[in-house]
């Protein structure tokens, strides 16, 4: 069976496995949870958190901002090719409001 014949979710899991197979210091992932069912999403989030706790660095690109709040310690927001915010998730500027609201305030 070829990779192209696998389901989207299975291809996503395979790509994640390939990215972490050799335990690199830095992994860059675009939309890591796309095409995954809720059970696998939880497993991937837990794995990413554990990977960082062990000293690895994971850079995630996502349009789903609450995922970023849940699994990231810091973030950068880029809008129209410009960096409009960079900081820690617990930055008082963000507060407890949804990241979507924070993003919309920054870009409007």
N, C-alpha and C. Protein backbone atom coordinates (compact mmCIF):
# COMPACT_ATOMS: atom_id res chain seq x y z
N UNK A 1 0.85 -1.18 0.00
CA UNK A 1 0.00 0.00 0.00
C UNK A 1 0.89 1.24 0.00
N UNK A 2 0.54 2.20 -0.80
CA UNK A 2 1.27 3.46 -0.88
C UNK A 2 0.66 4.48 0.08
N UNK A 3 1.47 5.43 0.48
CA UNK A 3 1.00 6.48 1.39
C UNK A 3 -0.21 7.21 0.82
N UNK A 4 -0.20 7.44 -0.49
CA UNK A 4 -1.30 8.18 -1.11
C UNK A 4 -2.63 7.43 -1.02
N UNK A 5 -2.57 6.12 -0.76
CA UNK A 5 -3.77 5.30 -0.64
C UNK A 5 -4.34 5.27 0.78
N UNK A 6 -3.62 5.83 1.73
CA UNK A 6 -4.06 5.85 3.13
C UNK A 6 -5.08 6.97 3.34
N UNK A 7 -5.87 6.84 4.40
CA UNK A 7 -6.81 7.92 4.74
C UNK A 7 -6.03 9.16 5.16
N UNK A 8 -6.68 10.30 5.15
CA UNK A 8 -6.02 11.54 5.55
C UNK A 8 -5.52 11.48 6.99
N UNK A 9 -6.33 10.92 7.87
CA UNK A 9 -5.92 10.79 9.27
C UNK A 9 -4.71 9.90 9.43
N UNK A 10 -4.70 8.79 8.72
CA UNK A 10 -3.56 7.87 8.79
C UNK A 10 -2.31 8.51 8.21
N UNK A 11 -2.47 9.26 7.13
CA UNK A 11 -1.31 9.98 6.56
C UNK A 11 -0.79 11.01 7.55
N UNK A 12 -1.68 11.70 8.27
CA UNK A 12 -1.26 12.68 9.26
C UNK A 12 -0.47 12.01 10.37
N UNK A 13 -0.96 10.86 10.85
CA UNK A 13 -0.24 10.12 11.90
C UNK A 13 1.13 9.66 11.40
N UNK A 14 1.19 9.22 10.16
CA UNK A 14 2.47 8.79 9.59
C UNK A 14 3.44 9.95 9.50
N UNK A 15 2.96 11.11 9.07
CA UNK A 15 3.83 12.30 8.97
C UNK A 15 4.35 12.71 10.35
N UNK A 16 3.48 12.64 11.37
CA UNK A 16 3.92 12.97 12.73
C UNK A 16 4.97 11.98 13.22
N UNK A 17 4.75 10.70 12.95
CA UNK A 17 5.72 9.69 13.36
C UNK A 17 7.07 9.94 12.68
N UNK A 18 7.04 10.28 11.40
CA UNK A 18 8.29 10.56 10.68
C UNK A 18 9.01 11.77 11.27
N UNK A 19 8.24 12.78 11.65
CA UNK A 19 8.85 14.01 12.18
C UNK A 19 9.58 13.77 13.49
N UNK A 20 9.07 12.86 14.31
CA UNK A 20 9.62 12.65 15.65
C UNK A 20 10.48 11.39 15.77
N UNK A 21 10.56 10.62 14.71
CA UNK A 21 11.25 9.33 14.76
C UNK A 21 12.67 9.40 15.31
N UNK A 22 13.41 10.40 14.91
CA UNK A 22 14.81 10.52 15.33
C UNK A 22 14.99 11.51 16.48
N UNK A 23 13.91 11.89 17.12
CA UNK A 23 13.91 12.79 18.26
C UNK A 23 14.77 14.04 18.03
N UNK A 24 14.44 14.82 17.00
CA UNK A 24 15.22 16.03 16.74
C UNK A 24 15.02 17.07 17.84
N UNK A 25 15.96 17.99 17.95
CA UNK A 25 15.82 19.07 18.94
C UNK A 25 14.68 20.00 18.60
N UNK A 26 14.45 20.22 17.31
CA UNK A 26 13.41 21.14 16.83
C UNK A 26 12.55 20.44 15.79
N UNK A 27 11.23 20.54 15.98
CA UNK A 27 10.28 20.01 15.01
C UNK A 27 9.34 21.16 14.64
N UNK A 28 9.12 21.37 13.34
CA UNK A 28 8.19 22.38 12.85
C UNK A 28 7.00 21.65 12.24
N UNK A 29 5.80 21.95 12.74
CA UNK A 29 4.60 21.24 12.30
C UNK A 29 3.52 22.25 11.91
N UNK A 30 2.92 22.02 10.76
CA UNK A 30 1.80 22.84 10.30
C UNK A 30 0.51 22.08 10.57
N UNK A 31 -0.39 22.67 11.33
CA UNK A 31 -1.70 22.10 11.66
C UNK A 31 -1.59 20.62 12.08
N UNK A 32 -0.97 20.36 13.24
CA UNK A 32 -0.70 18.98 13.64
C UNK A 32 -1.93 18.12 13.93
N UNK A 33 -3.08 18.73 14.20
CA UNK A 33 -4.25 17.95 14.60
C UNK A 33 -5.27 17.76 13.49
N UNK A 34 -4.98 18.32 12.32
CA UNK A 34 -5.93 18.23 11.22
C UNK A 34 -6.14 16.77 10.82
N UNK A 35 -7.37 16.43 10.52
CA UNK A 35 -7.77 15.08 10.06
C UNK A 35 -7.68 14.01 11.14
N UNK A 36 -7.46 14.39 12.39
CA UNK A 36 -7.37 13.40 13.46
C UNK A 36 -8.66 13.39 14.28
N UNK A 37 -9.07 12.21 14.72
CA UNK A 37 -10.26 12.12 15.57
C UNK A 37 -9.91 12.64 16.97
N UNK A 38 -10.93 12.94 17.79
CA UNK A 38 -10.65 13.53 19.12
C UNK A 38 -9.72 12.70 19.99
N UNK A 39 -9.81 11.39 19.93
CA UNK A 39 -8.93 10.55 20.73
C UNK A 39 -7.47 10.73 20.30
N UNK A 40 -7.23 10.71 19.00
CA UNK A 40 -5.86 10.88 18.51
C UNK A 40 -5.38 12.32 18.73
N UNK A 41 -6.27 13.29 18.63
CA UNK A 41 -5.88 14.68 18.91
C UNK A 41 -5.34 14.79 20.34
N UNK A 42 -6.03 14.17 21.29
CA UNK A 42 -5.60 14.21 22.68
C UNK A 42 -4.23 13.54 22.83
N UNK A 43 -4.05 12.41 22.18
CA UNK A 43 -2.77 11.70 22.26
C UNK A 43 -1.63 12.54 21.69
N UNK A 44 -1.89 13.20 20.57
CA UNK A 44 -0.86 14.04 19.95
C UNK A 44 -0.55 15.23 20.84
N UNK A 45 -1.57 15.88 21.40
CA UNK A 45 -1.33 17.01 22.30
C UNK A 45 -0.51 16.58 23.51
N UNK A 46 -0.86 15.45 24.09
CA UNK A 46 -0.11 14.95 25.24
C UNK A 46 1.33 14.63 24.84
N UNK A 47 1.50 14.04 23.67
CA UNK A 47 2.85 13.71 23.21
C UNK A 47 3.69 14.98 23.02
N UNK A 48 3.09 15.99 22.39
CA UNK A 48 3.82 17.25 22.15
C UNK A 48 4.24 17.90 23.46
N UNK A 49 3.33 17.92 24.42
CA UNK A 49 3.66 18.50 25.73
C UNK A 49 4.80 17.73 26.38
N UNK A 50 4.74 16.42 26.33
CA UNK A 50 5.79 15.59 26.90
C UNK A 50 7.12 15.77 26.20
N UNK A 51 7.07 15.93 24.88
CA UNK A 51 8.29 16.14 24.09
C UNK A 51 9.00 17.41 24.53
N UNK A 52 8.23 18.44 24.75
CA UNK A 52 8.79 19.72 25.19
C UNK A 52 9.33 19.60 26.61
N UNK A 53 8.61 18.91 27.48
CA UNK A 53 9.09 18.71 28.86
C UNK A 53 10.44 18.01 28.89
N UNK A 54 10.67 17.12 27.92
CA UNK A 54 11.94 16.40 27.84
C UNK A 54 13.06 17.23 27.21
N UNK A 55 12.75 18.47 26.82
CA UNK A 55 13.78 19.34 26.28
C UNK A 55 13.69 19.64 24.80
N UNK A 56 12.75 19.02 24.11
CA UNK A 56 12.58 19.29 22.68
C UNK A 56 11.86 20.61 22.46
N UNK A 57 11.95 21.11 21.25
CA UNK A 57 11.25 22.33 20.87
C UNK A 57 10.33 22.00 19.71
N UNK A 58 9.08 22.43 19.82
CA UNK A 58 8.10 22.20 18.77
C UNK A 58 7.52 23.54 18.36
N UNK A 59 7.63 23.87 17.09
CA UNK A 59 7.04 25.08 16.55
C UNK A 59 5.81 24.65 15.77
N UNK A 60 4.66 25.17 16.17
CA UNK A 60 3.39 24.78 15.56
C UNK A 60 2.78 25.97 14.83
N UNK A 61 2.35 25.74 13.62
CA UNK A 61 1.58 26.72 12.88
C UNK A 61 0.13 26.25 12.87
N UNK A 62 -0.78 27.08 13.35
CA UNK A 62 -2.19 26.69 13.38
C UNK A 62 -3.10 27.90 13.23
N UNK A 63 -4.27 27.67 12.66
CA UNK A 63 -5.30 28.69 12.60
C UNK A 63 -6.32 28.51 13.72
N UNK A 64 -6.20 27.41 14.44
CA UNK A 64 -7.12 27.13 15.54
C UNK A 64 -6.43 27.59 16.82
N UNK A 65 -6.73 28.81 17.22
CA UNK A 65 -5.98 29.47 18.27
C UNK A 65 -6.11 28.81 19.64
N UNK A 66 -7.23 28.21 19.94
CA UNK A 66 -7.38 27.58 21.24
C UNK A 66 -6.50 26.34 21.38
N UNK A 67 -6.15 25.72 20.26
CA UNK A 67 -5.17 24.63 20.30
C UNK A 67 -3.83 25.20 20.76
N UNK A 68 -3.48 26.36 20.24
CA UNK A 68 -2.23 27.00 20.64
C UNK A 68 -2.23 27.27 22.14
N UNK A 69 -3.33 27.79 22.66
CA UNK A 69 -3.41 28.06 24.11
C UNK A 69 -3.25 26.78 24.91
N UNK A 70 -3.81 25.71 24.42
CA UNK A 70 -3.80 24.45 25.17
C UNK A 70 -2.43 23.78 25.21
N UNK A 71 -1.66 23.88 24.12
CA UNK A 71 -0.42 23.10 24.09
C UNK A 71 0.86 23.91 23.97
N UNK A 72 0.76 25.20 23.79
CA UNK A 72 1.98 26.00 23.60
C UNK A 72 2.31 26.83 24.85
N UNK A 73 3.58 27.11 25.03
CA UNK A 73 4.00 27.98 26.13
C UNK A 73 4.21 29.41 25.66
N UNK A 74 4.44 29.60 24.40
CA UNK A 74 4.62 30.92 23.83
C UNK A 74 4.00 30.97 22.46
N UNK A 75 3.83 32.17 21.93
CA UNK A 75 3.24 32.28 20.60
C UNK A 75 3.68 33.55 19.90
N UNK A 76 3.57 33.50 18.61
CA UNK A 76 3.77 34.68 17.77
C UNK A 76 2.57 34.74 16.84
N UNK A 77 2.04 35.91 16.65
CA UNK A 77 0.92 36.09 15.72
C UNK A 77 1.43 36.90 14.54
N UNK A 78 1.27 36.32 13.37
CA UNK A 78 1.69 36.98 12.13
C UNK A 78 0.43 37.28 11.34
N UNK A 79 0.29 38.53 10.94
CA UNK A 79 -0.88 38.95 10.17
C UNK A 79 -0.41 39.74 8.96
N UNK A 80 -0.85 39.30 7.80
CA UNK A 80 -0.46 39.93 6.53
C UNK A 80 1.06 40.06 6.43
N UNK A 81 1.75 39.01 6.85
CA UNK A 81 3.20 38.96 6.72
C UNK A 81 3.98 39.75 7.77
N UNK A 82 3.28 40.31 8.74
CA UNK A 82 3.96 41.09 9.78
C UNK A 82 3.72 40.48 11.16
N UNK A 83 4.77 40.48 11.97
CA UNK A 83 4.66 40.01 13.34
C UNK A 83 3.92 41.08 14.15
N UNK A 84 2.74 40.72 14.68
CA UNK A 84 1.94 41.68 15.44
C UNK A 84 1.96 41.40 16.94
N UNK A 85 2.42 40.20 17.32
CA UNK A 85 2.57 39.88 18.74
C UNK A 85 3.53 38.72 18.90
N UNK A 86 4.31 38.79 19.95
CA UNK A 86 5.18 37.68 20.33
C UNK A 86 5.29 37.68 21.85
N UNK A 87 5.02 36.56 22.46
CA UNK A 87 5.11 36.51 23.91
C UNK A 87 4.70 35.16 24.46
N UNK A 88 4.66 35.10 25.77
CA UNK A 88 4.27 33.87 26.47
C UNK A 88 2.74 33.79 26.55
N UNK A 89 2.24 32.58 26.65
CA UNK A 89 0.80 32.39 26.75
C UNK A 89 0.21 33.00 28.01
N UNK A 90 1.02 33.11 29.06
CA UNK A 90 0.51 33.69 30.30
C UNK A 90 0.76 35.20 30.38
N UNK A 91 1.09 35.82 29.26
CA UNK A 91 1.30 37.27 29.21
C UNK A 91 0.02 37.97 29.66
N UNK A 92 0.13 38.91 30.60
CA UNK A 92 -1.07 39.62 31.09
C UNK A 92 -1.81 40.37 29.99
N UNK A 93 -1.13 40.72 28.91
CA UNK A 93 -1.78 41.41 27.79
C UNK A 93 -2.87 40.53 27.19
N UNK A 94 -2.65 39.22 27.19
CA UNK A 94 -3.63 38.28 26.64
C UNK A 94 -4.75 38.05 27.63
N UNK A 95 -4.40 37.83 28.88
CA UNK A 95 -5.40 37.57 29.91
C UNK A 95 -6.07 36.23 29.71
N UNK A 96 -7.28 36.11 30.23
CA UNK A 96 -8.02 34.85 30.15
C UNK A 96 -9.02 34.82 29.00
N UNK A 97 -9.05 35.87 28.21
CA UNK A 97 -10.02 35.90 27.12
C UNK A 97 -9.62 34.90 26.03
N UNK A 98 -10.56 34.53 25.18
CA UNK A 98 -10.23 33.63 24.08
C UNK A 98 -9.16 34.26 23.18
N UNK A 99 -8.24 33.44 22.69
CA UNK A 99 -7.19 33.95 21.81
C UNK A 99 -7.76 34.54 20.53
N UNK A 100 -8.90 34.03 20.11
CA UNK A 100 -9.55 34.59 18.92
C UNK A 100 -9.88 36.06 19.15
N UNK A 101 -10.40 36.41 20.33
CA UNK A 101 -10.70 37.81 20.65
C UNK A 101 -9.43 38.64 20.66
N UNK A 102 -8.37 38.10 21.27
CA UNK A 102 -7.09 38.81 21.32
C UNK A 102 -6.57 39.05 19.90
N UNK A 103 -6.63 38.03 19.06
CA UNK A 103 -6.18 38.16 17.67
C UNK A 103 -6.98 39.24 16.94
N UNK A 104 -8.29 39.20 17.08
CA UNK A 104 -9.15 40.17 16.39
C UNK A 104 -8.87 41.60 16.84
N UNK A 105 -8.59 41.79 18.13
CA UNK A 105 -8.23 43.12 18.62
C UNK A 105 -6.92 43.60 17.98
N UNK A 106 -5.96 42.70 17.84
CA UNK A 106 -4.67 43.06 17.26
C UNK A 106 -4.76 43.48 15.80
N UNK A 107 -5.62 42.81 15.06
CA UNK A 107 -5.63 43.02 13.61
C UNK A 107 -6.71 43.98 13.14
N UNK A 108 -7.58 44.43 14.05
CA UNK A 108 -8.64 45.35 13.59
C UNK A 108 -8.28 46.80 13.83
